[in-house]
Amino acid sequence: MYYKKLTGEKCYLAPIDENDVSLYTAWFNDLEVTRNLLAFSWSLNEKHERETLEKISKDNNYGIHDLGNDALIGGVGLHDLDFLHRRCEIGVFIGDKSYWGKGFGTEALHLLARFAFDYLNIRNIMLRVFEFNERAIKCYQKVGFKIIGKRRRAIEIERKVYDIIYMDLLSEDLS
């Protein structure tokens, strides 16, 4: 059973359920999924993924679920929360490729950003994205994220070198 923490029109965010370890393990071993994440180099077994889920489930990390059928389709979370300076980082992924390009990631980001601003008193949310991940950049811009800079030639994937783009969001930017 999943417990709805934040609900949108297409999806809801629920605390991570460690019983979904097999699904997360499959996603994080799928290069097509992880190629766009900082996790592309990981090779995980269920034991390691279970330990990871146990650790991150204690923080502001959530499963993304299809509101229509409760299917777990990905994850979203807040990282490096700094309550003194009221800032954090955010990350999102859609592991179920049949949901790619359908707005679920956009809505999940919006839900969690609103929660961070309204309930955690965060002022600034940042994320990092590889320059080749144009679909993600468009998603982030739909939410209201602005490009604030880049780290040049900072990552090499498939023998090509790319910049890492930094984006941030303030409450008034949230669309």
Protein backbone atom coordinates (compact mmCIF):
# COMPACT_ATOMS: atom_id res chain seq x y z
CA MET A 1 0.00 0.00 0.00
CA TYR A 2 1.27 3.45 -0.90
CA TYR A 3 0.64 6.54 1.22
CA LYS A 4 -0.04 9.66 -0.81
CA LYS A 5 2.06 12.55 0.49
CA LEU A 6 1.54 15.03 -2.37
CA THR A 7 -1.06 14.65 -5.10
CA GLY A 8 -1.30 16.25 -8.53
CA GLU A 9 -3.51 15.68 -11.56
CA LYS A 10 -1.47 12.83 -13.08
CA CYS A 11 0.66 11.52 -10.27
CA TYR A 12 1.24 11.45 -6.56
CA LEU A 13 4.37 11.27 -4.45
CA ALA A 14 4.55 8.62 -1.76
CA PRO A 15 7.24 7.61 0.73
CA ILE A 16 9.65 5.08 -0.75
CA ASP A 17 8.53 1.50 -0.16
CA GLU A 18 11.47 -0.87 0.28
CA ASN A 19 9.34 -3.67 -1.20
CA ASP A 20 9.92 -1.99 -4.58
CA VAL A 21 13.64 -2.77 -4.42
CA SER A 22 13.56 -5.04 -7.50
CA LEU A 23 12.04 -2.32 -9.63
CA TYR A 24 14.55 0.31 -8.49
CA THR A 25 17.41 -2.17 -9.04
CA ALA A 26 16.24 -2.84 -12.59
CA TRP A 27 15.94 0.87 -13.34
CA PHE A 28 19.39 1.74 -11.97
CA ASN A 29 20.99 -1.02 -14.02
CA ASP A 30 19.32 0.19 -17.24
CA LEU A 31 21.77 2.48 -19.04
CA GLU A 32 18.97 4.05 -21.05
CA VAL A 33 17.47 5.26 -17.75
CA THR A 34 20.68 6.15 -15.93
CA ARG A 35 22.56 7.66 -18.88
CA ASN A 36 20.97 11.00 -18.00
CA LEU A 37 21.68 10.71 -14.27
CA LEU A 38 24.81 11.00 -12.22
CA ALA A 39 24.15 7.33 -11.40
CA PHE A 40 25.05 5.99 -14.86
CA SER A 41 28.22 4.30 -13.61
CA TRP A 42 26.56 2.38 -10.79
CA SER A 43 26.13 -1.39 -10.95
CA LEU A 44 23.69 -2.36 -8.26
CA ASN A 45 22.39 -5.58 -6.84
CA GLU A 46 19.27 -5.79 -4.71
CA LYS A 47 21.24 -5.83 -1.44
CA HIS A 48 22.97 -2.55 -2.24
CA GLU A 49 19.77 -0.96 -3.56
CA ARG A 50 17.85 -2.05 -0.43
CA GLU A 51 20.50 -0.35 1.74
CA THR A 52 20.23 2.79 -0.41
CA LEU A 53 16.43 2.82 -0.22
CA GLU A 54 16.56 2.38 3.57
CA LYS A 55 18.89 5.36 3.83
CA ILE A 56 17.14 7.76 1.45
CA SER A 57 13.62 6.85 2.59
CA LYS A 58 14.36 8.68 5.87
CA ASP A 59 14.71 11.99 4.02
CA ASN A 60 12.61 13.89 1.50
CA ASN A 61 12.74 11.26 -1.25
CA TYR A 62 9.57 9.90 -2.78
CA GLY A 63 8.32 7.42 -5.30
CA ILE A 64 6.39 8.89 -8.23
CA HIS A 65 3.14 6.99 -8.81
CA ASP A 66 0.61 7.13 -11.61
CA LEU A 67 -2.55 8.50 -9.97
CA GLY A 68 -4.73 6.35 -12.22
CA ASN A 69 -3.29 2.94 -11.38
CA ASP A 70 -0.84 3.43 -8.44
CA ALA A 71 2.08 2.19 -10.59
CA LEU A 72 5.50 3.24 -9.35
CA ILE A 73 7.13 5.01 -12.30
CA GLY A 74 10.13 6.86 -10.85
CA GLY A 75 11.50 8.91 -8.01
CA VAL A 76 12.07 12.49 -6.90
CA GLY A 77 13.93 13.87 -3.94
CA LEU A 78 15.48 16.80 -2.14
CA HIS A 79 19.18 16.57 -1.33
CA ASP A 80 21.76 18.57 0.59
CA LEU A 81 19.12 20.49 2.50
CA ASP A 82 20.64 23.55 4.15
CA PHE A 83 18.05 25.03 6.48
CA LEU A 84 20.33 27.85 7.62
CA HIS A 85 20.66 29.28 4.12
CA ARG A 86 17.30 27.82 2.99
CA ARG A 87 18.57 25.98 -0.08
CA CYS A 88 18.71 22.45 -1.43
CA GLU A 89 19.14 20.38 -4.57
CA ILE A 90 16.44 18.39 -6.29
CA GLY A 91 16.60 15.33 -8.50
CA VAL A 92 14.04 13.40 -10.50
CA PHE A 93 13.95 10.37 -12.76
CA ILE A 94 11.27 8.41 -14.55
CA GLY A 95 12.36 4.78 -14.55
CA ASP A 96 9.38 3.37 -16.44
CA LYS A 97 10.19 4.36 -20.01
CA SER A 98 6.55 4.05 -21.10
CA TYR A 99 5.93 7.23 -19.05
CA TRP A 100 8.70 9.29 -20.67
CA GLY A 101 7.61 12.53 -22.31
CA LYS A 102 4.13 12.53 -20.75
CA GLY A 103 4.57 15.24 -18.12
CA PHE A 104 4.88 13.04 -15.04
CA GLY A 105 8.39 14.27 -14.21
CA THR A 106 7.29 17.88 -14.64
CA GLU A 107 4.35 17.43 -12.29
CA ALA A 108 6.44 15.51 -9.71
CA LEU A 109 9.06 18.28 -9.68
CA HIS A 110 6.37 20.91 -9.30
CA LEU A 111 4.76 19.05 -6.39
CA LEU A 112 8.03 18.59 -4.52
CA ALA A 113 9.25 22.14 -5.19
CA ARG A 114 5.98 23.58 -3.87
CA PHE A 115 6.34 21.38 -0.77
CA ALA A 116 9.94 22.59 -0.27
CA PHE A 117 8.94 26.25 -0.53
CA ASP A 118 5.69 26.08 1.46
CA TYR A 119 6.48 23.54 4.17
CA LEU A 120 10.27 23.31 4.49
CA ASN A 121 10.81 27.06 4.13
CA ILE A 122 13.36 26.61 1.34
CA ARG A 123 14.24 29.72 -0.68
CA ASN A 124 16.38 28.31 -3.50
CA ILE A 125 16.32 24.90 -5.22
CA MET A 126 19.12 23.91 -7.56
CA LEU A 127 19.70 21.03 -9.94
CA ARG A 128 22.33 19.82 -12.35
CA VAL A 129 21.69 18.40 -15.82
CA PHE A 130 23.91 17.16 -18.63
CA GLU A 131 23.82 19.48 -21.64
CA PHE A 132 22.74 16.67 -24.00
CA ASN A 133 19.59 15.96 -21.96
CA GLU A 134 17.39 18.41 -23.84
CA ARG A 135 14.14 16.73 -22.79
CA ALA A 136 15.02 17.22 -19.11
CA ILE A 137 16.09 20.85 -19.65
CA LYS A 138 12.71 21.60 -21.26
CA CYS A 139 10.95 19.86 -18.36
CA TYR A 140 12.86 21.92 -15.81
CA GLN A 141 12.15 25.14 -17.68
CA LYS A 142 8.42 24.29 -17.71
CA VAL A 143 8.55 24.10 -13.92
CA GLY A 144 10.29 27.50 -13.84
CA PHE A 145 13.96 26.60 -13.40
CA LYS A 146 16.45 29.09 -14.86
CA ILE A 147 19.93 28.35 -16.16
CA ILE A 148 22.46 29.93 -13.81
CA GLY A 149 25.69 28.60 -15.27
CA LYS A 150 27.58 25.57 -16.39
CA ARG A 151 30.62 23.53 -15.54
CA ARG A 152 32.45 23.23 -18.82
CA ARG A 153 33.59 19.88 -20.19
CA ALA A 154 32.81 18.28 -16.83
CA ILE A 155 31.56 14.86 -17.87
CA GLU A 156 32.53 12.29 -20.47
CA ILE A 157 29.99 9.74 -21.65
CA GLU A 158 30.37 7.44 -24.64
CA ARG A 159 33.69 9.12 -25.47
CA LYS A 160 32.07 12.55 -25.79
CA VAL A 161 32.66 15.43 -23.42
CA TYR A 162 29.76 17.56 -22.15
CA ASP A 163 29.05 20.50 -19.90
CA ILE A 164 26.97 20.15 -16.76
CA ILE A 165 24.30 22.85 -16.68
CA TYR A 166 23.26 24.33 -13.33
CA MET A 167 19.69 25.56 -12.92
CA ASP A 168 17.83 27.02 -9.97
CA LEU A 169 14.32 27.87 -8.90
CA LEU A 170 12.89 30.45 -6.54
CA SER A 171 9.34 30.33 -5.23
CA GLU A 172 8.25 33.19 -7.49
CA ASP A 173 9.62 31.32 -10.55
CA LEU A 174 7.47 28.23 -9.95
CA SER A 175 4.93 28.00 -12.74
